[in-house]
N, C-alpha and C. Protein backbone atom coordinates (compact mmCIF):
# COMPACT_ATOMS: atom_id res chain seq x y z
N MET A 1 0.83 -1.20 0.01
CA MET A 1 0.00 0.00 -0.01
C MET A 1 0.83 1.25 0.00
N ALA A 2 1.98 1.21 0.70
CA ALA A 2 2.86 2.37 0.70
C ALA A 2 3.48 2.54 -0.68
N ILE A 3 3.82 1.43 -1.35
CA ILE A 3 4.39 1.53 -2.68
C ILE A 3 3.36 2.11 -3.63
N ALA A 4 2.09 1.71 -3.50
CA ALA A 4 1.03 2.29 -4.34
C ALA A 4 0.87 3.80 -4.07
N GLY A 5 1.25 4.21 -2.85
CA GLY A 5 1.19 5.63 -2.48
C GLY A 5 2.43 6.39 -2.83
N GLY A 6 3.41 5.75 -3.51
CA GLY A 6 4.62 6.42 -3.96
C GLY A 6 5.84 6.13 -3.16
N TYR A 7 5.74 5.27 -2.14
CA TYR A 7 6.92 4.96 -1.30
C TYR A 7 8.06 4.48 -2.21
N PRO A 8 9.30 4.91 -1.99
CA PRO A 8 9.84 5.70 -0.93
C PRO A 8 9.89 7.20 -1.17
N GLU A 9 9.34 7.64 -2.32
CA GLU A 9 9.30 9.11 -2.59
C GLU A 9 8.40 9.81 -1.60
N MET A 10 8.65 11.07 -1.33
CA MET A 10 7.83 11.83 -0.41
C MET A 10 6.38 11.90 -0.99
N PRO A 11 5.40 11.55 -0.18
CA PRO A 11 4.00 11.51 -0.67
C PRO A 11 3.40 12.93 -0.66
N GLY A 12 2.50 13.15 -1.65
CA GLY A 12 1.71 14.34 -1.65
C GLY A 12 0.46 14.13 -0.83
N THR A 13 -0.38 15.14 -0.73
CA THR A 13 -1.60 15.02 0.07
C THR A 13 -2.52 13.95 -0.43
N ALA A 14 -2.71 13.85 -1.73
CA ALA A 14 -3.59 12.81 -2.32
C ALA A 14 -3.00 11.42 -2.04
N GLN A 15 -1.70 11.27 -2.14
CA GLN A 15 -1.10 9.96 -1.86
C GLN A 15 -1.21 9.60 -0.39
N ARG A 16 -1.03 10.57 0.51
CA ARG A 16 -1.19 10.29 1.94
C ARG A 16 -2.63 9.85 2.25
N ASN A 17 -3.60 10.56 1.68
CA ASN A 17 -4.99 10.23 1.90
C ASN A 17 -5.35 8.83 1.37
N GLN A 18 -4.86 8.55 0.18
CA GLN A 18 -5.08 7.23 -0.43
C GLN A 18 -4.44 6.12 0.46
N PHE A 19 -3.22 6.33 0.92
CA PHE A 19 -2.56 5.38 1.78
C PHE A 19 -3.36 5.18 3.06
N ASP A 20 -3.76 6.29 3.71
CA ASP A 20 -4.52 6.17 4.96
C ASP A 20 -5.77 5.39 4.82
N ARG A 21 -6.54 5.64 3.76
CA ARG A 21 -7.81 4.94 3.56
C ARG A 21 -7.59 3.48 3.28
N ALA A 22 -6.61 3.17 2.45
CA ALA A 22 -6.34 1.75 2.11
C ALA A 22 -5.86 0.97 3.34
N VAL A 23 -4.96 1.60 4.11
CA VAL A 23 -4.40 0.90 5.29
C VAL A 23 -5.47 0.75 6.34
N ALA A 24 -6.36 1.77 6.56
CA ALA A 24 -7.38 1.71 7.52
C ALA A 24 -8.31 0.48 7.23
N ARG A 25 -8.72 0.38 5.99
CA ARG A 25 -9.57 -0.75 5.60
C ARG A 25 -8.85 -2.10 5.81
N HIS A 26 -7.58 -2.15 5.38
CA HIS A 26 -6.82 -3.38 5.47
C HIS A 26 -6.63 -3.80 6.93
N LEU A 27 -6.24 -2.86 7.77
CA LEU A 27 -6.02 -3.20 9.19
C LEU A 27 -7.32 -3.67 9.86
N HIS A 28 -8.40 -3.01 9.53
CA HIS A 28 -9.67 -3.34 10.17
C HIS A 28 -10.22 -4.69 9.62
N GLN A 29 -10.04 -4.95 8.37
CA GLN A 29 -10.58 -6.17 7.73
C GLN A 29 -9.75 -7.38 8.05
N HIS A 30 -8.43 -7.24 8.11
CA HIS A 30 -7.54 -8.40 8.09
C HIS A 30 -6.77 -8.69 9.38
N THR A 31 -6.74 -7.78 10.32
CA THR A 31 -5.96 -8.06 11.51
C THR A 31 -6.74 -8.88 12.53
N GLY A 32 -8.06 -8.82 12.49
CA GLY A 32 -8.87 -9.58 13.41
C GLY A 32 -8.80 -8.98 14.83
N MET A 33 -8.35 -7.75 14.95
CA MET A 33 -8.23 -7.12 16.30
C MET A 33 -9.63 -6.74 16.82
N THR A 34 -9.77 -6.94 18.10
CA THR A 34 -10.92 -6.41 18.80
C THR A 34 -10.58 -5.01 19.34
N PRO A 35 -11.56 -4.23 19.72
CA PRO A 35 -11.25 -2.93 20.30
C PRO A 35 -10.32 -3.02 21.50
N GLY A 36 -10.44 -4.07 22.32
CA GLY A 36 -9.59 -4.25 23.47
C GLY A 36 -8.16 -4.45 23.06
N GLU A 37 -7.95 -5.28 22.04
CA GLU A 37 -6.59 -5.47 21.56
C GLU A 37 -6.04 -4.20 20.91
N ALA A 38 -6.89 -3.50 20.20
CA ALA A 38 -6.45 -2.27 19.49
C ALA A 38 -6.15 -1.14 20.47
N SER A 39 -6.62 -1.26 21.72
CA SER A 39 -6.34 -0.20 22.70
C SER A 39 -5.01 -0.41 23.41
N GLN A 40 -4.31 -1.50 23.11
CA GLN A 40 -3.05 -1.78 23.74
C GLN A 40 -1.89 -1.12 23.05
N ARG A 41 -1.23 -0.19 23.73
CA ARG A 41 -0.16 0.60 23.13
C ARG A 41 0.98 -0.27 22.61
N GLN A 42 1.25 -1.36 23.29
CA GLN A 42 2.40 -2.16 22.87
C GLN A 42 2.17 -2.83 21.53
N VAL A 43 0.92 -3.09 21.14
CA VAL A 43 0.63 -3.64 19.81
C VAL A 43 1.08 -2.66 18.75
N TRP A 44 0.73 -1.40 18.93
CA TRP A 44 1.02 -0.38 17.93
C TRP A 44 2.50 0.03 17.98
N ALA A 45 3.09 -0.02 19.19
CA ALA A 45 4.52 0.25 19.30
C ALA A 45 5.32 -0.80 18.53
N PHE A 46 4.92 -2.06 18.64
CA PHE A 46 5.64 -3.10 17.89
C PHE A 46 5.49 -2.86 16.39
N LEU A 47 4.31 -2.54 15.93
CA LEU A 47 4.15 -2.30 14.49
C LEU A 47 4.95 -1.08 14.04
N GLY A 48 4.87 0.01 14.81
CA GLY A 48 5.53 1.25 14.42
C GLY A 48 7.03 1.28 14.61
N LEU A 49 7.53 0.56 15.61
CA LEU A 49 8.97 0.61 15.90
C LEU A 49 9.75 -0.60 15.37
N VAL A 50 9.07 -1.72 15.21
CA VAL A 50 9.77 -2.94 14.80
C VAL A 50 9.38 -3.41 13.42
N LEU A 51 8.07 -3.52 13.14
CA LEU A 51 7.61 -4.10 11.92
C LEU A 51 7.70 -3.15 10.69
N VAL A 52 7.16 -1.92 10.85
CA VAL A 52 7.13 -1.03 9.67
C VAL A 52 7.56 0.41 10.04
N PRO A 53 8.70 0.56 10.73
CA PRO A 53 9.10 1.95 11.05
C PRO A 53 9.37 2.81 9.81
N HIS A 54 9.86 2.17 8.74
CA HIS A 54 10.14 2.87 7.49
C HIS A 54 8.86 3.45 6.88
N VAL A 55 7.78 2.73 7.01
CA VAL A 55 6.48 3.21 6.47
C VAL A 55 5.99 4.40 7.32
N CYS A 56 6.11 4.28 8.63
CA CYS A 56 5.72 5.37 9.52
C CYS A 56 6.56 6.63 9.22
N ALA A 57 7.85 6.42 9.03
CA ALA A 57 8.74 7.57 8.70
C ALA A 57 8.42 8.15 7.36
N TRP A 58 8.01 7.34 6.42
CA TRP A 58 7.60 7.84 5.11
C TRP A 58 6.27 8.63 5.21
N ARG A 59 5.32 8.10 5.96
CA ARG A 59 4.04 8.76 6.06
C ARG A 59 4.09 10.07 6.83
N PHE A 60 4.90 10.08 7.90
CA PHE A 60 5.09 11.28 8.70
C PHE A 60 6.58 11.58 8.78
N PRO A 61 7.11 12.25 7.75
CA PRO A 61 8.52 12.55 7.68
C PRO A 61 8.97 13.51 8.78
N MET A 62 10.27 13.63 8.88
CA MET A 62 10.85 14.58 9.92
C MET A 62 10.37 16.00 9.70
N LYS A 63 10.25 16.68 10.84
CA LYS A 63 9.98 18.13 10.81
C LYS A 63 11.12 18.75 11.61
N ASP A 64 11.82 19.65 10.99
CA ASP A 64 12.96 20.31 11.60
C ASP A 64 13.99 19.27 12.07
N GLY A 65 14.17 18.21 11.27
CA GLY A 65 15.15 17.16 11.56
C GLY A 65 14.79 16.21 12.66
N VAL A 66 13.49 16.18 13.07
CA VAL A 66 13.08 15.30 14.17
C VAL A 66 11.77 14.60 13.75
N TYR A 67 11.70 13.32 14.12
CA TYR A 67 10.45 12.58 13.95
C TYR A 67 9.58 12.84 15.17
N VAL A 68 8.29 12.81 15.02
CA VAL A 68 7.33 12.89 16.11
C VAL A 68 7.18 11.48 16.70
N ALA A 69 7.59 11.30 17.95
CA ALA A 69 7.64 9.97 18.57
C ALA A 69 6.27 9.32 18.61
N ASP A 70 5.20 10.09 18.78
CA ASP A 70 3.84 9.53 18.88
C ASP A 70 3.47 8.76 17.62
N ARG A 71 4.05 9.10 16.51
CA ARG A 71 3.70 8.45 15.23
C ARG A 71 4.24 7.01 15.22
N PHE A 72 5.17 6.70 16.10
CA PHE A 72 5.84 5.38 16.11
C PHE A 72 5.50 4.58 17.38
N LYS A 73 5.55 5.24 18.57
CA LYS A 73 5.53 4.55 19.84
C LYS A 73 4.19 4.06 20.31
N GLY A 74 3.19 4.77 20.02
CA GLY A 74 1.88 4.40 20.53
C GLY A 74 1.53 5.03 21.86
N SER A 75 2.25 6.03 22.26
CA SER A 75 1.98 6.72 23.49
C SER A 75 0.65 7.45 23.44
N ASP A 76 0.28 7.96 22.24
CA ASP A 76 -1.03 8.58 22.00
C ASP A 76 -1.57 7.91 20.76
N LEU A 77 -2.54 6.99 20.95
CA LEU A 77 -3.07 6.22 19.85
C LEU A 77 -3.81 7.02 18.82
N THR A 78 -4.25 8.23 19.18
CA THR A 78 -4.93 9.09 18.19
C THR A 78 -3.93 9.70 17.22
N ARG A 79 -2.64 9.58 17.52
CA ARG A 79 -1.60 10.15 16.69
C ARG A 79 -0.71 9.10 16.05
N HIS A 80 -0.77 7.89 16.51
CA HIS A 80 0.05 6.82 15.98
C HIS A 80 -0.30 6.60 14.50
N THR A 81 0.70 6.37 13.66
CA THR A 81 0.52 6.25 12.23
C THR A 81 -0.57 5.21 11.91
N LEU A 82 -0.54 4.07 12.54
CA LEU A 82 -1.45 2.98 12.20
C LEU A 82 -2.64 2.86 13.14
N ALA A 83 -2.49 3.11 14.41
CA ALA A 83 -3.55 2.95 15.38
C ALA A 83 -4.73 3.91 15.07
N ARG A 84 -4.41 5.15 14.67
CA ARG A 84 -5.46 6.10 14.36
C ARG A 84 -6.27 5.59 13.16
N LEU A 85 -5.64 4.89 12.20
CA LEU A 85 -6.32 4.40 11.04
C LEU A 85 -7.29 3.22 11.38
N TRP A 86 -6.78 2.32 12.20
CA TRP A 86 -7.65 1.22 12.62
C TRP A 86 -8.87 1.76 13.36
N THR A 87 -8.63 2.68 14.29
CA THR A 87 -9.73 3.27 15.04
C THR A 87 -10.74 3.93 14.15
N ARG A 88 -10.28 4.71 13.20
CA ARG A 88 -11.22 5.38 12.28
C ARG A 88 -12.04 4.37 11.52
N ALA A 89 -11.38 3.34 11.01
CA ALA A 89 -12.13 2.30 10.28
C ALA A 89 -13.11 1.62 11.16
N HIS A 90 -12.75 1.35 12.41
CA HIS A 90 -13.66 0.64 13.32
C HIS A 90 -14.88 1.53 13.66
N VAL A 91 -14.62 2.79 13.96
CA VAL A 91 -15.68 3.70 14.39
C VAL A 91 -16.63 4.05 13.21
N LEU A 92 -16.02 4.24 12.04
CA LEU A 92 -16.85 4.67 10.89
C LEU A 92 -17.46 3.51 10.13
N TYR A 93 -17.12 2.28 10.49
CA TYR A 93 -17.63 1.11 9.82
C TYR A 93 -19.16 1.06 9.94
N ASP A 94 -19.85 0.91 8.83
CA ASP A 94 -21.31 0.84 8.84
C ASP A 94 -21.72 -0.43 8.08
N SER A 95 -22.07 -1.46 8.82
CA SER A 95 -22.35 -2.76 8.23
C SER A 95 -23.58 -2.76 7.37
N ALA A 96 -24.46 -1.77 7.51
CA ALA A 96 -25.69 -1.70 6.74
C ALA A 96 -25.46 -1.05 5.35
N ALA A 97 -24.32 -0.38 5.17
CA ALA A 97 -24.06 0.34 3.92
C ALA A 97 -23.52 -0.62 2.86
N PRO A 98 -23.72 -0.35 1.59
CA PRO A 98 -23.17 -1.21 0.53
C PRO A 98 -21.65 -1.29 0.61
N ASP A 99 -21.01 -0.15 0.90
CA ASP A 99 -19.57 -0.12 1.22
C ASP A 99 -19.45 0.26 2.66
N PRO A 100 -19.17 -0.68 3.55
CA PRO A 100 -19.16 -0.36 4.97
C PRO A 100 -18.12 0.67 5.39
N TYR A 101 -17.16 0.95 4.54
CA TYR A 101 -16.10 1.90 4.85
C TYR A 101 -16.26 3.22 4.11
N ALA A 102 -17.40 3.45 3.50
CA ALA A 102 -17.65 4.63 2.66
C ALA A 102 -17.50 5.93 3.49
N LEU A 103 -17.87 5.92 4.76
CA LEU A 103 -17.81 7.13 5.55
C LEU A 103 -16.35 7.59 5.75
N MET A 104 -15.40 6.67 5.65
CA MET A 104 -13.98 7.11 5.76
C MET A 104 -13.55 7.95 4.57
N ASP A 105 -14.18 7.70 3.44
CA ASP A 105 -13.85 8.43 2.25
C ASP A 105 -14.57 9.75 2.13
N ALA A 106 -15.56 9.97 3.01
CA ALA A 106 -16.44 11.15 2.93
C ALA A 106 -15.81 12.45 3.43
N VAL A 107 -14.84 12.36 4.32
CA VAL A 107 -14.23 13.58 4.93
C VAL A 107 -12.72 13.46 4.85
N GLY A 108 -12.11 14.59 4.90
CA GLY A 108 -10.63 14.66 4.83
C GLY A 108 -9.99 14.46 6.17
N GLU A 109 -8.66 14.40 6.12
CA GLU A 109 -7.84 14.16 7.30
C GLU A 109 -8.08 15.22 8.38
N ALA A 110 -8.09 16.46 8.01
CA ALA A 110 -8.23 17.56 9.02
C ALA A 110 -9.58 17.47 9.74
N ASP A 111 -10.64 17.21 8.99
CA ASP A 111 -11.96 17.08 9.62
C ASP A 111 -12.07 15.82 10.49
N LEU A 112 -11.53 14.70 10.05
CA LEU A 112 -11.52 13.50 10.88
C LEU A 112 -10.71 13.72 12.14
N ASP A 113 -9.59 14.46 12.02
CA ASP A 113 -8.78 14.75 13.21
C ASP A 113 -9.56 15.54 14.20
N GLN A 114 -10.32 16.56 13.71
CA GLN A 114 -11.16 17.35 14.60
C GLN A 114 -12.15 16.49 15.36
N ILE A 115 -12.73 15.56 14.66
CA ILE A 115 -13.77 14.71 15.27
C ILE A 115 -13.18 13.67 16.20
N MET A 116 -12.15 12.97 15.73
CA MET A 116 -11.66 11.79 16.45
C MET A 116 -10.57 12.11 17.48
N ALA A 117 -9.66 12.96 17.16
CA ALA A 117 -8.50 13.15 18.06
C ALA A 117 -8.71 14.33 18.99
N ARG A 118 -9.27 15.40 18.47
CA ARG A 118 -9.38 16.61 19.26
C ARG A 118 -10.61 16.60 20.18
N ARG A 119 -11.57 15.76 19.89
CA ARG A 119 -12.81 15.68 20.66
C ARG A 119 -13.02 14.24 21.10
N ARG A 120 -12.24 13.81 22.02
CA ARG A 120 -12.29 12.37 22.44
C ARG A 120 -13.63 11.98 23.05
N ALA A 121 -14.29 12.90 23.68
CA ALA A 121 -15.63 12.56 24.24
C ALA A 121 -16.59 12.27 23.16
N VAL A 122 -16.47 12.90 21.98
CA VAL A 122 -17.27 12.63 20.82
C VAL A 122 -16.90 11.28 20.22
N ALA A 123 -15.64 11.04 20.05
CA ALA A 123 -15.15 9.82 19.43
C ALA A 123 -15.46 8.55 20.24
N ALA A 124 -15.81 8.72 21.50
CA ALA A 124 -16.12 7.57 22.34
C ALA A 124 -17.44 6.93 21.98
N THR A 125 -18.29 7.61 21.21
CA THR A 125 -19.58 7.08 20.76
C THR A 125 -19.58 6.93 19.29
N PRO A 126 -19.31 5.70 18.76
CA PRO A 126 -19.22 5.50 17.30
C PRO A 126 -20.43 6.00 16.51
N ALA A 127 -21.64 5.79 17.06
CA ALA A 127 -22.84 6.24 16.33
C ALA A 127 -22.85 7.75 16.21
N LEU A 128 -22.32 8.46 17.20
CA LEU A 128 -22.24 9.94 17.14
C LEU A 128 -21.24 10.32 16.07
N VAL A 129 -20.09 9.66 16.00
CA VAL A 129 -19.09 9.99 14.96
C VAL A 129 -19.67 9.76 13.58
N ARG A 130 -20.35 8.61 13.39
CA ARG A 130 -20.94 8.37 12.06
C ARG A 130 -22.01 9.44 11.72
N ALA A 131 -22.79 9.86 12.71
CA ALA A 131 -23.81 10.88 12.46
C ALA A 131 -23.16 12.20 12.11
N ILE A 132 -22.07 12.58 12.81
CA ILE A 132 -21.39 13.79 12.50
C ILE A 132 -20.86 13.81 11.07
N VAL A 133 -20.24 12.69 10.68
CA VAL A 133 -19.69 12.59 9.33
C VAL A 133 -20.84 12.68 8.27
N ARG A 134 -21.92 11.94 8.52
CA ARG A 134 -23.07 11.98 7.58
C ARG A 134 -23.62 13.42 7.45
N ALA A 135 -23.83 14.09 8.58
CA ALA A 135 -24.40 15.45 8.56
C ALA A 135 -23.40 16.39 7.91
N HIS A 136 -22.13 16.19 8.13
CA HIS A 136 -21.11 17.06 7.50
C HIS A 136 -21.09 16.91 6.00
N VAL A 137 -21.23 15.69 5.53
CA VAL A 137 -21.30 15.46 4.08
C VAL A 137 -22.58 16.07 3.51
N GLU A 138 -23.70 15.91 4.18
CA GLU A 138 -24.96 16.52 3.71
C GLU A 138 -24.79 18.02 3.57
N ASP A 139 -24.22 18.65 4.62
CA ASP A 139 -24.02 20.08 4.63
C ASP A 139 -23.04 20.55 3.62
N SER A 140 -22.00 19.78 3.38
CA SER A 140 -20.97 20.12 2.42
C SER A 140 -21.55 20.18 0.99
N ASN A 141 -22.60 19.42 0.76
CA ASN A 141 -23.19 19.36 -0.54
C ASN A 141 -24.38 20.27 -0.68
N SER A 142 -24.70 21.09 0.38
CA SER A 142 -25.95 21.84 0.41
C SER A 142 -25.82 23.19 -0.34
N GLY A 143 -24.58 23.68 -0.63
CA GLY A 143 -24.41 24.90 -1.30
C GLY A 143 -24.57 26.13 -0.40
N GLU A 144 -24.56 25.97 0.90
CA GLU A 144 -24.69 27.10 1.84
C GLU A 144 -23.46 27.96 1.77
N ASP A 145 -23.61 29.24 2.23
CA ASP A 145 -22.47 30.18 2.18
C ASP A 145 -21.45 29.93 3.26
N THR A 146 -21.88 29.59 4.46
CA THR A 146 -20.99 29.39 5.61
C THR A 146 -20.16 28.12 5.33
N PRO A 147 -18.81 28.19 5.44
CA PRO A 147 -18.01 27.02 5.19
C PRO A 147 -18.39 25.86 6.12
N ALA A 148 -18.47 24.67 5.52
CA ALA A 148 -18.87 23.45 6.27
C ALA A 148 -17.92 23.16 7.39
N ARG A 149 -16.63 23.47 7.21
CA ARG A 149 -15.64 23.23 8.27
C ARG A 149 -15.88 24.09 9.49
N ALA A 150 -16.28 25.36 9.28
CA ALA A 150 -16.60 26.23 10.43
C ALA A 150 -17.83 25.69 11.16
N VAL A 151 -18.82 25.24 10.41
CA VAL A 151 -20.02 24.68 11.02
C VAL A 151 -19.66 23.41 11.75
N LEU A 152 -18.78 22.57 11.21
CA LEU A 152 -18.33 21.38 11.88
C LEU A 152 -17.71 21.68 13.24
N ARG A 153 -16.78 22.59 13.27
CA ARG A 153 -16.08 22.92 14.52
C ARG A 153 -16.99 23.49 15.56
N ASP A 154 -17.88 24.40 15.15
CA ASP A 154 -18.85 24.99 16.07
C ASP A 154 -19.81 23.96 16.58
N SER A 155 -20.32 23.09 15.70
CA SER A 155 -21.28 22.08 16.11
C SER A 155 -20.65 21.04 17.02
N LEU A 156 -19.34 20.76 16.84
CA LEU A 156 -18.64 19.85 17.71
C LEU A 156 -18.65 20.39 19.16
N GLN A 157 -18.42 21.68 19.30
CA GLN A 157 -18.42 22.30 20.62
C GLN A 157 -19.83 22.18 21.24
N ARG A 158 -20.83 22.40 20.47
CA ARG A 158 -22.20 22.25 20.97
C ARG A 158 -22.51 20.81 21.38
N LEU A 159 -22.07 19.87 20.55
CA LEU A 159 -22.30 18.46 20.88
C LEU A 159 -21.50 18.03 22.14
N LEU A 160 -20.34 18.57 22.31
CA LEU A 160 -19.55 18.26 23.51
C LEU A 160 -20.27 18.71 24.75
N ARG A 161 -20.89 19.85 24.72
CA ARG A 161 -21.69 20.35 25.89
C ARG A 161 -22.85 19.39 26.13
N LEU A 162 -23.47 18.92 25.10
CA LEU A 162 -24.61 18.03 25.28
C LEU A 162 -24.21 16.64 25.83
N THR A 163 -23.01 16.19 25.49
CA THR A 163 -22.61 14.85 25.92
C THR A 163 -22.48 14.82 27.47
N ALA A 164 -22.37 15.99 28.08
CA ALA A 164 -22.26 16.01 29.55
C ALA A 164 -23.62 15.64 30.19
N PHE A 165 -24.71 15.80 29.40
CA PHE A 165 -26.04 15.55 29.95
C PHE A 165 -26.77 14.39 29.30
N LEU A 166 -26.33 13.94 28.17
CA LEU A 166 -26.98 12.85 27.43
C LEU A 166 -26.06 11.66 27.33
N ASP A 167 -26.65 10.49 27.52
CA ASP A 167 -25.91 9.22 27.28
C ASP A 167 -26.28 8.75 25.89
N LEU A 168 -25.50 9.16 24.90
CA LEU A 168 -25.77 8.86 23.52
C LEU A 168 -25.67 7.44 23.12
N ASP A 169 -25.03 6.63 23.95
CA ASP A 169 -24.87 5.21 23.65
C ASP A 169 -26.21 4.46 23.62
N TRP A 170 -27.22 5.05 24.23
CA TRP A 170 -28.52 4.37 24.34
C TRP A 170 -29.58 4.99 23.39
N ILE A 171 -29.19 5.99 22.64
CA ILE A 171 -30.13 6.64 21.71
C ILE A 171 -29.98 6.02 20.35
N PRO A 172 -31.09 5.70 19.68
CA PRO A 172 -30.99 5.11 18.33
C PRO A 172 -30.21 6.03 17.37
N GLU A 173 -29.51 5.43 16.42
CA GLU A 173 -28.60 6.18 15.55
C GLU A 173 -29.35 7.26 14.74
N GLU A 174 -30.56 6.98 14.33
CA GLU A 174 -31.32 7.97 13.55
C GLU A 174 -31.63 9.19 14.40
N GLN A 175 -31.89 9.01 15.70
CA GLN A 175 -32.13 10.15 16.57
C GLN A 175 -30.86 10.95 16.85
N ILE A 176 -29.76 10.23 16.90
CA ILE A 176 -28.46 10.93 17.07
C ILE A 176 -28.20 11.74 15.81
N LEU A 177 -28.45 11.24 14.66
CA LEU A 177 -28.28 11.98 13.42
C LEU A 177 -29.15 13.24 13.41
N GLN A 178 -30.34 13.12 13.87
CA GLN A 178 -31.24 14.28 13.96
C GLN A 178 -30.70 15.33 14.95
N LEU A 179 -30.18 14.86 16.08
CA LEU A 179 -29.57 15.76 17.04
C LEU A 179 -28.37 16.52 16.43
N VAL A 180 -27.54 15.81 15.67
CA VAL A 180 -26.39 16.41 15.05
C VAL A 180 -26.87 17.43 14.01
N ARG A 181 -27.87 17.10 13.23
CA ARG A 181 -28.38 18.05 12.26
C ARG A 181 -28.91 19.35 12.92
N GLU A 182 -29.62 19.16 14.06
CA GLU A 182 -30.12 20.31 14.78
C GLU A 182 -28.97 21.20 15.29
N GLN A 183 -27.91 20.58 15.78
CA GLN A 183 -26.78 21.37 16.25
C GLN A 183 -26.08 22.11 15.10
N ARG A 184 -26.04 21.46 13.96
CA ARG A 184 -25.43 22.13 12.77
C ARG A 184 -26.30 23.30 12.37
N ILE A 185 -27.60 23.19 12.45
CA ILE A 185 -28.47 24.34 12.13
C ILE A 185 -28.18 25.48 13.07
N GLU A 186 -28.10 25.16 14.35
CA GLU A 186 -27.81 26.20 15.38
C GLU A 186 -26.44 26.84 15.11
N SER A 187 -25.47 26.03 14.76
CA SER A 187 -24.14 26.57 14.48
C SER A 187 -24.17 27.48 13.27
N ARG A 188 -24.87 27.07 12.23
CA ARG A 188 -24.95 27.90 11.05
C ARG A 188 -25.63 29.25 11.35
N LYS A 189 -26.69 29.22 12.15
CA LYS A 189 -27.39 30.47 12.55
C LYS A 189 -26.36 31.37 13.27
N HIS A 190 -25.67 30.77 14.24
CA HIS A 190 -24.67 31.54 15.05
C HIS A 190 -23.59 32.10 14.17
N LEU A 191 -23.09 31.30 13.23
CA LEU A 191 -21.97 31.74 12.39
C LEU A 191 -22.44 32.81 11.37
N ASP A 192 -23.69 32.67 10.89
CA ASP A 192 -24.22 33.65 9.93
C ASP A 192 -24.38 35.03 10.58
N VAL A 193 -24.68 35.05 11.89
CA VAL A 193 -24.87 36.33 12.62
C VAL A 193 -23.50 36.92 12.89
N ALA A 194 -22.50 36.11 13.25
CA ALA A 194 -21.22 36.60 13.65
C ALA A 194 -20.45 37.35 12.57
């Protein structure tokens, strides 16, 4: 997969995204890992430091002559080169869809990072993450004037406040999607006024 992405040459944005999506699918489909196994830092440290450090170094090259240790060690699984991909595939997996991994292709790296890594309370509820991605895609295609990314970030803050009072793990996924849509409407109103 790295070779298909241009390895060992420095990858461009499109190549990095292609690599991430292909590896996420592959890890989730073929490793047989359960969430409990995937939460073990030593699993990812072995992969990143022993098995494929060259791929991790290619995907996240040095900045100012230094590699970011989290991309290899697994000290922060939301930043590890491979762990973050398995997690995204697991959380966004939709068994009812014709392509169960289609939601991974629906948003870019920066938006997924906002949802999954920067807002861990949101990422803890897979149905909420799927609803956020679905609503973001709907909004991105709506032709509205306010940028969808601004609406995403504002609505994530609103959803975080709600998660303090709601146990979303027990709400049906369609109701969660409606809740996310409502928060996006509120965000758009707020941003249009500002």
